Each structure stands twice: as C-alpha cells, then as structure tokens.
C-alpha cells in the first residue's frame, strides 16, 4: 500500500499548480512553457514513485488535504489516475500525459468567480453553466499556446463527459471520450465525493465507491472503473471500522478485487472475519470508519 507520496514531490506538485494558476489568470503573462514543463516533470516523479511499489493500493485518506482544495484535489486526482493507468498497462509516455492532464484538469476553475466555487448552497442554473466552462477555459488556454498535445488537451476538456452522453461540455459518449478523460472522470468524482467542501461534508469512502459503481456503464467506463476498484483502499490497513453486526474491528488486509470487504480482526477479541472469502461472513458489511477507539477496546490479537 502507498502509505504516502514523498512530501517533497507533494509540495513540488502543489507549488507547480499554484504557479501555473497564477499565470493562468494573469492576462499579461499567461501560462508559459516552463510552467507546463514543471508540471510534466512532477508527473514523471509521481510515476516513478508509484511504479516503484509492487501491488500498490492508494490510501486516499493519506493523500487528501483540505486546504487550497482545487490544488490538492488536482494532486489527488493525478495520483489516482496514474494508479489506474499503471493497472491498465499504460506506457511511460501515456502515464506522463495522463499525470500531466490530472494535475492540470481543474486549473480552469481559477477563472470561475470564487463566490460560485465556494457557494454553500445549490448553484443556480446560470451559475452551473459558468462552472461547466472550467474544462474549456483550461484546455483552450493551454492548447492555444501550444503548451499541451492533443491527448492532454482531450483529457482535460473531456473529464466531465459521461459514457451515456449526459456530461459536459459537449455531451460526448462512449468511444467519443478520450481514454484519459474516462480515467480522470472516475478519479475526479471519487475525490470530490470524499472531500470536505463548504456545501457538504465528505462521504465515507465506501459510500463514494458504491455511488461510482452505480454509474458503471452509464457515467463511467467499466474497464476503467474495475481498474480503479483494484487500486483504491477505502478502508486502509490499520483503520478501525464499525461492522453491521455491532462489533468494531481493525482492518488487517485489503483485497484488490474486493475493496469494500477486507480481512478484519474484532477489537478486544481473537476473532477475525475474512469478509471477502468466508461464506459465513458474507452477511457482514462495514458500515463506517471509527476515528477514536477507547484504549480498552483496542485490538488484542494480531
């Protein structure tokens, strides 16, 4: 499991996105080739970090930070997208393009009025139409200056398109949607659902996964989604969870093909449940993550 992305790489990524965003809204200067090169170099470092670990699982709680949402969201999306790309067997060039698109996919939001981005209530139709333009703002700004290739451009501008054609900005469907955009769509929605925002509290990872799974085929590419499910750890090893039978347990091991059903050990007991493989446990589900566990209820037998 990825316990963390190197802090130096994380800081470099956030700094690079900040710098590019500042230039994006600076009409006199605009985004420079050096800005995009810095982002591309950071994507390469993320690829090296992720590729150096075998059997990787992304612990989303570990890569998520709640300040400067757009910038940290972009980093989280890039990391998840790269994990999916690695699982799908992408070449290093494809991964670099995908990672770059992930780091840049939401940069157009800096052109959306901040009062709309941070509005605590539901957006009006007019406000939502403004928000829907953020992929266009980003992709066209970069493409007009010949700063990104066609693949990165399509990944950015299409990341809100849906398989059934109900997305935006162009209502593309199925094979019309670029493979990078299909990957970014899954990573983007998952991170958005599990993030703390002014207008709502974050969804638990298991609820976010169930939401995304419900959109398989209609909103999300099935092949991409299945790769994502093999690479995300909604219940990180060592976390304490509440079980549907009333017991509390510690997560011992995750299974890539069953992310919602890990091996758990009941707190204060020698009992363990293999939620993925033991038929006697199939009626037990995890209902939530517990943040604070009393000392006398800790795991007594690993």
C-alpha atoms as a PDB file:
ATOM      1  CA  UNK A   1       0.000   0.000   0.000  1.00  0.00           C
ATOM      2  CA  UNK A   2       1.136   3.548  -0.621  1.00  0.00           C
ATOM      3  CA  UNK A   3       1.439   4.958   2.897  1.00  0.00           C
ATOM      4  CA  UNK A   4       2.381   8.326   1.454  1.00  0.00           C
ATOM      5  CA  UNK A   5       3.628  10.126  -1.589  1.00  0.00           C
ATOM      6  CA  UNK A   6       7.032  11.643  -0.878  1.00  0.00           C
ATOM      7  CA  UNK A   7       6.406  15.005   0.829  1.00  0.00           C
ATOM      8  CA  UNK A   8       8.918  16.739  -1.418  1.00  0.00           C
ATOM      9  CA  UNK A   9       7.057  15.571  -4.523  1.00  0.00           C
ATOM     10  CA  UNK A  10       3.730  16.574  -2.965  1.00  0.00           C
ATOM     11  CA  UNK A  11       4.999  20.073  -2.178  1.00  0.00           C
ATOM     12  CA  UNK A  12       6.551  20.393  -5.626  1.00  0.00           C
ATOM     13  CA  UNK A  13       3.258  19.436  -7.270  1.00  0.00           C
ATOM     14  CA  UNK A  14       1.209  21.923  -5.243  1.00  0.00           C
ATOM     15  CA  UNK A  15       3.747  24.682  -5.869  1.00  0.00           C
ATOM     16  CA  UNK A  16       3.747  23.973  -9.603  1.00  0.00           C
ATOM     17  CA  UNK A  17      -0.052  24.052  -9.818  1.00  0.00           C
ATOM     18  CA  UNK A  18      -0.122  27.297  -7.798  1.00  0.00           C
ATOM     19  CA  UNK A  19       2.400  28.955 -10.099  1.00  0.00           C
ATOM     20  CA  UNK A  20       0.581  27.834 -13.217  1.00  0.00           C
ATOM     21  CA  UNK A  21      -2.748  29.037 -11.801  1.00  0.00           C
ATOM     22  CA  UNK A  22      -1.271  32.457 -11.035  1.00  0.00           C
ATOM     23  CA  UNK A  23      -0.070  32.768 -14.625  1.00  0.00           C
ATOM     24  CA  UNK A  24      -3.351  31.386 -15.953  1.00  0.00           C
ATOM     25  CA  UNK A  25      -5.274  34.361 -14.567  1.00  0.00           C
ATOM     26  CA  UNK A  26      -2.508  36.834 -15.423  1.00  0.00           C
ATOM     27  CA  UNK A  27      -3.587  38.029 -18.854  1.00  0.00           C
ATOM     28  CA  UNK A  28      -0.304  39.860 -19.413  1.00  0.00           C
ATOM     29  CA  UNK A  29       1.891  36.826 -18.874  1.00  0.00           C
ATOM     30  CA  UNK A  30      -0.265  33.743 -19.346  1.00  0.00           C
ATOM     31  CA  UNK A  31       0.924  30.189 -18.818  1.00  0.00           C
ATOM     32  CA  UNK A  32       4.479  29.615 -20.019  1.00  0.00           C
ATOM     33  CA  UNK A  33       6.141  26.521 -21.445  1.00  0.00           C
ATOM     34  CA  UNK A  34       8.302  26.358 -18.303  1.00  0.00           C
ATOM     35  CA  UNK A  35       5.134  26.106 -16.169  1.00  0.00           C
ATOM     36  CA  UNK A  36       3.874  23.088 -18.108  1.00  0.00           C
ATOM     37  CA  UNK A  37       7.349  21.518 -18.195  1.00  0.00           C
ATOM     38  CA  UNK A  38       7.461  21.744 -14.388  1.00  0.00           C
ATOM     39  CA  UNK A  39       4.090  20.000 -14.144  1.00  0.00           C
ATOM     40  CA  UNK A  40       5.240  17.307 -16.584  1.00  0.00           C
ATOM     41  CA  UNK A  41       8.424  16.742 -14.560  1.00  0.00           C
ATOM     42  CA  UNK A  42       6.334  16.365 -11.412  1.00  0.00           C
ATOM     43  CA  UNK A  43       4.086  13.860 -13.176  1.00  0.00           C
ATOM     44  CA  UNK A  44       7.221  11.877 -14.031  1.00  0.00           C
ATOM     45  CA  UNK A  45       8.266  11.811 -10.377  1.00  0.00           C
ATOM     46  CA  UNK A  46       4.810  10.630  -9.330  1.00  0.00           C
ATOM     47  CA  UNK A  47       5.012   7.844 -11.914  1.00  0.00           C
ATOM     48  CA  UNK A  48       8.418   6.762 -10.603  1.00  0.00           C
ATOM     49  CA  UNK A  49       7.123   6.773  -7.021  1.00  0.00           C
ATOM     50  CA  UNK A  50       4.009   4.777  -7.849  1.00  0.00           C
ATOM     51  CA  UNK A  51       5.746   2.371 -10.236  1.00  0.00           C
ATOM     52  CA  UNK A  52       8.464   1.532  -7.711  1.00  0.00           C
ATOM     53  CA  UNK A  53       5.927  -0.165  -5.454  1.00  0.00           C
ATOM     54  CA  UNK A  54       4.504  -3.554  -6.326  1.00  0.00           C
ATOM     55  CA  UNK A  55       0.860  -4.403  -5.680  1.00  0.00           C
ATOM     56  CA  UNK A  56       0.036  -0.779  -4.965  1.00  0.00           C
ATOM     57  CA  UNK A  57      -3.145   0.352  -3.271  1.00  0.00           C
ATOM     58  CA  UNK A  58      -3.883   4.060  -2.918  1.00  0.00           C
ATOM     59  CA  UNK A  59      -4.924   5.154   0.567  1.00  0.00           C
ATOM     60  CA  UNK A  60      -6.979   8.203  -0.346  1.00  0.00           C
ATOM     61  CA  UNK A  61      -7.087   9.457   3.245  1.00  0.00           C
ATOM     62  CA  UNK A  62      -3.319   9.787   3.175  1.00  0.00           C
ATOM     63  CA  UNK A  63      -3.086  11.903   0.023  1.00  0.00           C
ATOM     64  CA  UNK A  64      -6.029  14.159   0.833  1.00  0.00           C
ATOM     65  CA  UNK A  65      -5.618  17.632   2.323  1.00  0.00           C
ATOM     66  CA  UNK A  66      -8.473  20.078   2.841  1.00  0.00           C
ATOM     67  CA  UNK A  67      -6.818  23.481   2.337  1.00  0.00           C
ATOM     68  CA  UNK A  68      -6.479  25.007  -1.108  1.00  0.00           C
ATOM     69  CA  UNK A  69      -8.994  22.457  -2.366  1.00  0.00           C
ATOM     70  CA  UNK A  70      -8.536  22.907  -6.121  1.00  0.00           C
ATOM     71  CA  UNK A  71      -4.766  22.398  -5.928  1.00  0.00           C
ATOM     72  CA  UNK A  72      -4.768  19.426  -3.566  1.00  0.00           C
ATOM     73  CA  UNK A  73      -7.729  17.932  -5.409  1.00  0.00           C
ATOM     74  CA  UNK A  74      -5.720  18.069  -8.625  1.00  0.00           C
ATOM     75  CA  UNK A  75      -2.826  16.225  -6.976  1.00  0.00           C
ATOM     76  CA  UNK A  76      -5.125  13.551  -5.538  1.00  0.00           C
ATOM     77  CA  UNK A  77      -6.809  13.057  -8.914  1.00  0.00           C
ATOM     78  CA  UNK A  78      -3.438  12.769 -10.667  1.00  0.00           C
ATOM     79  CA  UNK A  79      -2.227  10.130  -8.192  1.00  0.00           C
ATOM     80  CA  UNK A  80      -5.389   8.056  -8.525  1.00  0.00           C
ATOM     81  CA  UNK A  81      -5.390   8.428 -12.307  1.00  0.00           C
ATOM     82  CA  UNK A  82      -1.783   7.224 -12.501  1.00  0.00           C
ATOM     83  CA  UNK A  83      -2.568   4.221 -10.304  1.00  0.00           C
ATOM     84  CA  UNK A  84      -5.365   3.327 -12.726  1.00  0.00           C
ATOM     85  CA  UNK A  85      -3.108   3.888 -15.745  1.00  0.00           C
ATOM     86  CA  UNK A  86      -0.422   1.641 -14.277  1.00  0.00           C
ATOM     87  CA  UNK A  87      -3.032  -1.045 -13.637  1.00  0.00           C
ATOM     88  CA  UNK A  88      -4.182  -0.751 -17.262  1.00  0.00           C
ATOM     89  CA  UNK A  89      -0.628  -1.198 -18.539  1.00  0.00           C
ATOM     90  CA  UNK A  90      -0.078   2.287 -19.947  1.00  0.00           C
ATOM     91  CA  UNK A  91       3.335   3.116 -21.379  1.00  0.00           C
ATOM     92  CA  UNK A  92       5.517   5.646 -19.582  1.00  0.00           C
ATOM     93  CA  UNK A  93       4.669   8.315 -22.170  1.00  0.00           C
ATOM     94  CA  UNK A  94       0.950   7.698 -21.730  1.00  0.00           C
ATOM     95  CA  UNK A  95       1.332   7.851 -17.950  1.00  0.00           C
ATOM     96  CA  UNK A  96       3.191  11.150 -18.184  1.00  0.00           C
ATOM     97  CA  UNK A  97       0.453  12.625 -20.380  1.00  0.00           C
ATOM     98  CA  UNK A  98      -2.241  11.275 -18.054  1.00  0.00           C
ATOM     99  CA  UNK A  99      -0.495  12.584 -14.932  1.00  0.00           C
ATOM    100  CA  UNK A 100       0.011  15.992 -16.520  1.00  0.00           C
ATOM    101  CA  UNK A 101      -3.665  16.130 -17.510  1.00  0.00           C
ATOM    102  CA  UNK A 102      -4.620  15.158 -13.966  1.00  0.00           C
ATOM    103  CA  UNK A 103      -2.513  17.897 -12.398  1.00  0.00           C
ATOM    104  CA  UNK A 104      -3.963  20.467 -14.824  1.00  0.00           C
ATOM    105  CA  UNK A 105      -7.549  19.231 -15.207  1.00  0.00           C
ATOM    106  CA  UNK A 106      -9.192  21.774 -12.871  1.00  0.00           C
ATOM    107  CA  UNK A 107      -6.926  24.759 -13.436  1.00  0.00           C
ATOM    108  CA  UNK A 108      -9.745  26.474 -15.330  1.00  0.00           C
ATOM    109  CA  UNK A 109     -11.637  26.890 -12.048  1.00  0.00           C
ATOM    110  CA  UNK A 110      -9.431  29.856 -11.187  1.00  0.00           C
ATOM    111  CA  UNK A 111     -11.373  31.716 -13.897  1.00  0.00           C
ATOM    112  CA  UNK A 112     -14.687  30.974 -12.173  1.00  0.00           C
ATOM    113  CA  UNK A 113     -15.768  33.582  -9.588  1.00  0.00           C
ATOM    114  CA  UNK A 114     -14.710  32.436  -6.112  1.00  0.00           C
ATOM    115  CA  UNK A 115     -18.176  33.102  -4.703  1.00  0.00           C
ATOM    116  CA  UNK A 116     -19.547  30.441  -7.065  1.00  0.00           C
ATOM    117  CA  UNK A 117     -16.789  27.916  -6.322  1.00  0.00           C
ATOM    118  CA  UNK A 118     -17.292  28.267  -2.550  1.00  0.00           C
ATOM    119  CA  UNK A 119     -21.066  28.803  -2.516  1.00  0.00           C
ATOM    120  CA  UNK A 120     -22.511  26.786   0.409  1.00  0.00           C
ATOM    121  CA  UNK A 121     -25.882  26.129  -1.252  1.00  0.00           C
ATOM    122  CA  UNK A 122     -27.105  24.718  -4.539  1.00  0.00           C
ATOM    123  CA  UNK A 123     -25.931  26.586  -7.639  1.00  0.00           C
ATOM    124  CA  UNK A 124     -28.450  28.331  -9.839  1.00  0.00           C
ATOM    125  CA  UNK A 125     -28.748  27.194 -13.438  1.00  0.00           C
ATOM    126  CA  UNK A 126     -26.804  30.253 -14.553  1.00  0.00           C
ATOM    127  CA  UNK A 127     -24.037  29.620 -12.013  1.00  0.00           C
ATOM    128  CA  UNK A 128     -23.738  25.976 -13.013  1.00  0.00           C
ATOM    129  CA  UNK A 129     -23.395  26.980 -16.666  1.00  0.00           C
ATOM    130  CA  UNK A 130     -20.424  29.125 -15.655  1.00  0.00           C
ATOM    131  CA  UNK A 131     -18.840  26.256 -13.708  1.00  0.00           C
ATOM    132  CA  UNK A 132     -19.321  23.911 -16.658  1.00  0.00           C
ATOM    133  CA  UNK A 133     -16.947  26.064 -18.681  1.00  0.00           C
ATOM    134  CA  UNK A 134     -13.905  25.392 -16.483  1.00  0.00           C
ATOM    135  CA  UNK A 135     -12.588  22.454 -18.586  1.00  0.00           C
ATOM    136  CA  UNK A 136     -12.875  24.622 -21.687  1.00  0.00           C
ATOM    137  CA  UNK A 137     -11.080  27.550 -20.053  1.00  0.00           C
ATOM    138  CA  UNK A 138      -8.177  25.302 -19.063  1.00  0.00           C
ATOM    139  CA  UNK A 139      -7.810  23.203 -22.207  1.00  0.00           C
ATOM    140  CA  UNK A 140      -8.175  26.031 -24.695  1.00  0.00           C
ATOM    141  CA  UNK A 141      -5.789  28.329 -22.812  1.00  0.00           C
ATOM    142  CA  UNK A 142      -3.104  25.629 -22.909  1.00  0.00           C
ATOM    143  CA  UNK A 143      -3.803  24.469 -26.471  1.00  0.00           C
ATOM    144  CA  UNK A 144      -3.849  27.958 -27.975  1.00  0.00           C
ATOM    145  CA  UNK A 145      -0.306  28.458 -26.690  1.00  0.00           C
ATOM    146  CA  UNK A 146       0.795  25.030 -27.983  1.00  0.00           C
ATOM    147  CA  UNK A 147       1.702  24.015 -24.425  1.00  0.00           C
ATOM    148  CA  UNK A 148      -0.002  20.595 -24.428  1.00  0.00           C
ATOM    149  CA  UNK A 149      -0.552  17.908 -27.035  1.00  0.00           C
ATOM    150  CA  UNK A 150      -3.896  16.610 -28.262  1.00  0.00           C
ATOM    151  CA  UNK A 151      -4.034  13.777 -25.718  1.00  0.00           C
ATOM    152  CA  UNK A 152      -3.555  16.047 -22.691  1.00  0.00           C
ATOM    153  CA  UNK A 153      -5.959  18.590 -24.187  1.00  0.00           C
ATOM    154  CA  UNK A 154      -8.689  15.958 -24.588  1.00  0.00           C
ATOM    155  CA  UNK A 155      -8.093  14.563 -21.119  1.00  0.00           C
ATOM    156  CA  UNK A 156      -8.637  17.996 -19.604  1.00  0.00           C
ATOM    157  CA  UNK A 157     -11.548  19.233 -21.688  1.00  0.00           C
ATOM    158  CA  UNK A 158     -13.478  15.939 -21.551  1.00  0.00           C
ATOM    159  CA  UNK A 159     -13.079  14.925 -17.905  1.00  0.00           C
ATOM    160  CA  UNK A 160     -16.739  15.749 -17.131  1.00  0.00           C
ATOM    161  CA  UNK A 161     -18.139  13.820 -20.106  1.00  0.00           C
ATOM    162  CA  UNK A 162     -20.168  10.670 -19.335  1.00  0.00           C
ATOM    163  CA  UNK A 163     -20.478   7.389 -21.172  1.00  0.00           C
ATOM    164  CA  UNK A 164     -24.206   7.886 -21.829  1.00  0.00           C
ATOM    165  CA  UNK A 165     -23.704  11.371 -23.293  1.00  0.00           C
ATOM    166  CA  UNK A 166     -25.165  13.278 -20.340  1.00  0.00           C
ATOM    167  CA  UNK A 167     -21.911  15.028 -19.384  1.00  0.00           C
ATOM    168  CA  UNK A 168     -20.385  18.334 -20.400  1.00  0.00           C
ATOM    169  CA  UNK A 169     -19.190  20.474 -22.129  1.00  0.00           C
ATOM    170  CA  UNK A 170     -20.022  18.683 -25.404  1.00  0.00           C
ATOM    171  CA  UNK A 171     -22.220  15.731 -24.473  1.00  0.00           C
ATOM    172  CA  UNK A 172     -19.774  13.169 -25.854  1.00  0.00           C
ATOM    173  CA  UNK A 173     -20.471   9.484 -25.298  1.00  0.00           C
ATOM    174  CA  UNK A 174     -18.771   6.091 -25.264  1.00  0.00           C
ATOM    175  CA  UNK A 175     -15.784   5.897 -27.643  1.00  0.00           C
ATOM    176  CA  UNK A 176     -16.001   9.633 -28.389  1.00  0.00           C
ATOM    177  CA  UNK A 177     -14.488  10.218 -24.939  1.00  0.00           C
ATOM    178  CA  UNK A 178     -10.698  10.053 -24.748  1.00  0.00           C
ATOM    179  CA  UNK A 179      -9.270   7.245 -22.547  1.00  0.00           C
ATOM    180  CA  UNK A 180      -7.500   9.788 -20.305  1.00  0.00           C
ATOM    181  CA  UNK A 181     -10.776  11.626 -19.727  1.00  0.00           C
ATOM    182  CA  UNK A 182     -12.521   8.375 -18.781  1.00  0.00           C
ATOM    183  CA  UNK A 183      -9.863   7.765 -16.128  1.00  0.00           C
ATOM    184  CA  UNK A 184      -9.905  11.334 -14.841  1.00  0.00           C
ATOM    185  CA  UNK A 185     -13.707  11.207 -14.587  1.00  0.00           C
ATOM    186  CA  UNK A 186     -13.569   8.350 -12.070  1.00  0.00           C
ATOM    187  CA  UNK A 187     -10.718   9.843 -10.039  1.00  0.00           C
ATOM    188  CA  UNK A 188     -12.304  13.308 -10.075  1.00  0.00           C
ATOM    189  CA  UNK A 189     -15.714  12.193  -8.829  1.00  0.00           C
ATOM    190  CA  UNK A 190     -14.280   9.906  -6.153  1.00  0.00           C
ATOM    191  CA  UNK A 191     -12.034  12.613  -4.728  1.00  0.00           C
ATOM    192  CA  UNK A 192     -14.818  15.212  -4.881  1.00  0.00           C
ATOM    193  CA  UNK A 193     -17.218  12.911  -3.021  1.00  0.00           C
ATOM    194  CA  UNK A 194     -14.706  12.167  -0.261  1.00  0.00           C
ATOM    195  CA  UNK A 195     -13.532  15.775   0.190  1.00  0.00           C
ATOM    196  CA  UNK A 196     -14.698  18.309   2.753  1.00  0.00           C
ATOM    197  CA  UNK A 197     -16.415  21.168   0.920  1.00  0.00           C
ATOM    198  CA  UNK A 198     -18.233  24.333   2.074  1.00  0.00           C
ATOM    199  CA  UNK A 199     -21.568  22.970   0.844  1.00  0.00           C
ATOM    200  CA  UNK A 200     -21.363  19.416   2.265  1.00  0.00           C
ATOM    201  CA  UNK A 201     -19.479  17.028   4.484  1.00  0.00           C
ATOM    202  CA  UNK A 202     -17.378  14.295   2.844  1.00  0.00           C
ATOM    203  CA  UNK A 203     -18.885  10.922   2.008  1.00  0.00           C
ATOM    204  CA  UNK A 204     -17.262   7.874   3.614  1.00  0.00           C
ATOM    205  CA  UNK A 205     -15.042   6.077   1.071  1.00  0.00           C
ATOM    206  CA  UNK A 206     -17.337   3.038   0.904  1.00  0.00           C
ATOM    207  CA  UNK A 207     -20.361   5.206   0.087  1.00  0.00           C
ATOM    208  CA  UNK A 208     -18.375   7.048  -2.585  1.00  0.00           C
ATOM    209  CA  UNK A 209     -17.337   3.747  -4.157  1.00  0.00           C
ATOM    210  CA  UNK A 210     -20.912   2.453  -4.110  1.00  0.00           C
ATOM    211  CA  UNK A 211     -22.057   5.686  -5.785  1.00  0.00           C
ATOM    212  CA  UNK A 212     -19.455   5.327  -8.518  1.00  0.00           C
ATOM    213  CA  UNK A 213     -20.216   1.638  -9.011  1.00  0.00           C
ATOM    214  CA  UNK A 214     -23.867   2.574  -9.557  1.00  0.00           C
ATOM    215  CA  UNK A 215     -22.712   4.691 -12.510  1.00  0.00           C
ATOM    216  CA  UNK A 216     -20.768   1.893 -14.208  1.00  0.00           C
ATOM    217  CA  UNK A 217     -21.567   1.872 -17.911  1.00  0.00           C
ATOM    218  CA  UNK A 218     -23.776   4.963 -17.771  1.00  0.00           C
ATOM    219  CA  UNK A 219     -21.412   7.557 -16.352  1.00  0.00           C
ATOM    220  CA  UNK A 220     -18.128   5.664 -16.087  1.00  0.00           C
ATOM    221  CA  UNK A 221     -16.176   3.306 -18.325  1.00  0.00           C
ATOM    222  CA  UNK A 222     -16.470  -0.227 -16.919  1.00  0.00           C
ATOM    223  CA  UNK A 223     -12.865  -1.232 -17.644  1.00  0.00           C
ATOM    224  CA  UNK A 224     -11.533   1.935 -16.020  1.00  0.00           C
ATOM    225  CA  UNK A 225     -13.801   1.584 -13.006  1.00  0.00           C
ATOM    226  CA  UNK A 226     -12.763  -2.008 -12.380  1.00  0.00           C
ATOM    227  CA  UNK A 227      -9.098  -0.974 -12.549  1.00  0.00           C
ATOM    228  CA  UNK A 228      -9.842   1.817 -10.071  1.00  0.00           C
ATOM    229  CA  UNK A 229     -11.530  -0.603  -7.658  1.00  0.00           C
ATOM    230  CA  UNK A 230      -8.410  -2.770  -7.686  1.00  0.00           C
ATOM    231  CA  UNK A 231      -6.236   0.189  -6.712  1.00  0.00           C
ATOM    232  CA  UNK A 232      -8.134   2.156  -4.081  1.00  0.00           C
ATOM    233  CA  UNK A 233      -8.159   1.309  -0.378  1.00  0.00           C
ATOM    234  CA  UNK A 234     -11.383   2.735   1.134  1.00  0.00           C
ATOM    235  CA  UNK A 235     -10.548   1.089   4.466  1.00  0.00           C
ATOM    236  CA  UNK A 236      -6.775   1.462   4.921  1.00  0.00           C
ATOM    237  CA  UNK A 237      -4.851  -1.227   6.798  1.00  0.00           C
ATOM    238  CA  UNK A 238      -4.821  -0.344  10.490  1.00  0.00           C
ATOM    239  CA  UNK A 239      -8.045   1.671  10.413  1.00  0.00           C
ATOM    240  CA  UNK A 240     -10.859   0.871  12.833  1.00  0.00           C
ATOM    241  CA  UNK A 241     -14.253   0.115  11.345  1.00  0.00           C
ATOM    242  CA  UNK A 242     -17.803  -0.490  12.526  1.00  0.00           C
ATOM    243  CA  UNK A 243     -19.371  -3.768  11.393  1.00  0.00           C
ATOM    244  CA  UNK A 244     -23.046  -4.351  10.654  1.00  0.00           C
ATOM    245  CA  UNK A 245     -23.202  -6.988  13.433  1.00  0.00           C
ATOM    246  CA  UNK A 246     -22.416  -4.313  16.025  1.00  0.00           C
ATOM    247  CA  UNK A 247     -18.752  -5.203  16.507  1.00  0.00           C
ATOM    248  CA  UNK A 248     -15.758  -2.933  15.989  1.00  0.00           C
ATOM    249  CA  UNK A 249     -12.753  -4.269  14.095  1.00  0.00           C
ATOM    250  CA  UNK A 250      -9.310  -3.361  12.788  1.00  0.00           C
ATOM    251  CA  UNK A 251      -8.545  -3.737   9.077  1.00  0.00           C
ATOM    252  CA  UNK A 252      -5.715  -6.283   8.671  1.00  0.00           C
ATOM    253  CA  UNK A 253      -5.521  -6.793   4.916  1.00  0.00           C
ATOM    254  CA  UNK A 254      -7.107  -5.383   1.783  1.00  0.00           C
ATOM    255  CA  UNK A 255      -8.029  -7.415  -1.296  1.00  0.00           C
ATOM    256  CA  UNK A 256      -7.725  -5.531  -4.628  1.00  0.00           C
ATOM    257  CA  UNK A 257     -10.690  -7.330  -6.167  1.00  0.00           C
ATOM    258  CA  UNK A 258     -12.924  -6.684  -3.123  1.00  0.00           C
ATOM    259  CA  UNK A 259     -12.068  -3.193  -1.819  1.00  0.00           C
ATOM    260  CA  UNK A 260     -15.151  -2.985   0.397  1.00  0.00           C
ATOM    261  CA  UNK A 261     -14.561  -6.378   2.047  1.00  0.00           C
ATOM    262  CA  UNK A 262     -11.144  -6.627   3.746  1.00  0.00           C
ATOM    263  CA  UNK A 263      -9.825  -9.058   6.343  1.00  0.00           C
ATOM    264  CA  UNK A 264     -10.653  -7.604   9.771  1.00  0.00           C
ATOM    265  CA  UNK A 265      -9.893  -8.521  13.392  1.00  0.00           C
ATOM    266  CA  UNK A 266     -12.518  -7.811  16.051  1.00  0.00           C
ATOM    267  CA  UNK A 267     -11.333  -5.417  18.756  1.00  0.00           C
ATOM    268  CA  UNK A 268     -10.875  -6.942  22.216  1.00  0.00           C
ATOM    269  CA  UNK A 269     -11.183 -10.432  20.776  1.00  0.00           C
ATOM    270  CA  UNK A 270      -9.225 -13.135  18.985  1.00  0.00           C
ATOM    271  CA  UNK A 271     -11.921 -13.299  16.290  1.00  0.00           C
ATOM    272  CA  UNK A 272     -11.208 -12.300  12.693  1.00  0.00           C
ATOM    273  CA  UNK A 273     -13.505 -12.112   9.677  1.00  0.00           C
ATOM    274  CA  UNK A 274     -12.492 -12.588   6.055  1.00  0.00           C
ATOM    275  CA  UNK A 275     -15.298 -10.524   4.578  1.00  0.00           C
ATOM    276  CA  UNK A 276     -14.240 -11.290   1.003  1.00  0.00           C
ATOM    277  CA  UNK A 277     -13.778 -15.054   1.079  1.00  0.00           C
ATOM    278  CA  UNK A 278     -15.510 -16.618   4.090  1.00  0.00           C
ATOM    279  CA  UNK A 279     -19.119 -17.549   3.220  1.00  0.00           C
ATOM    280  CA  UNK A 280     -20.049 -17.303   6.900  1.00  0.00           C
ATOM    281  CA  UNK A 281     -19.130 -13.610   6.777  1.00  0.00           C
ATOM    282  CA  UNK A 282     -20.937 -12.637   3.605  1.00  0.00           C
ATOM    283  CA  UNK A 283     -23.810 -11.144   5.637  1.00  0.00           C
ATOM    284  CA  UNK A 284     -21.428  -8.801   7.488  1.00  0.00           C
ATOM    285  CA  UNK A 285     -20.589  -5.430   5.966  1.00  0.00           C
ATOM    286  CA  UNK A 286     -18.555  -2.428   7.079  1.00  0.00           C
ATOM    287  CA  UNK A 287     -20.856   0.461   7.934  1.00  0.00           C
ATOM    288  CA  UNK A 288     -18.258   3.126   8.699  1.00  0.00           C
ATOM    289  CA  UNK A 289     -14.809   4.148   9.891  1.00  0.00           C
ATOM    290  CA  UNK A 290     -14.259   4.933  13.583  1.00  0.00           C
ATOM    291  CA  UNK A 291     -11.827   7.742  14.344  1.00  0.00           C
ATOM    292  CA  UNK A 292     -11.325   7.306  18.092  1.00  0.00           C
ATOM    293  CA  UNK A 293     -11.306   3.965  19.871  1.00  0.00           C
ATOM    294  CA  UNK A 294     -11.085   3.679  23.681  1.00  0.00           C
ATOM    295  CA  UNK A 295      -7.830   2.118  24.899  1.00  0.00           C
ATOM    296  CA  UNK A 296      -9.645  -0.822  26.478  1.00  0.00           C
ATOM    297  CA  UNK A 297     -11.249  -1.699  23.151  1.00  0.00           C
ATOM    298  CA  UNK A 298      -8.056  -1.870  21.093  1.00  0.00           C
ATOM    299  CA  UNK A 299      -7.053  -4.946  19.130  1.00  0.00           C
ATOM    300  CA  UNK A 300      -5.624  -7.612  21.453  1.00  0.00           C
ATOM    301  CA  UNK A 301      -4.615 -10.279  18.964  1.00  0.00           C
ATOM    302  CA  UNK A 302      -2.959  -9.567  15.636  1.00  0.00           C
END
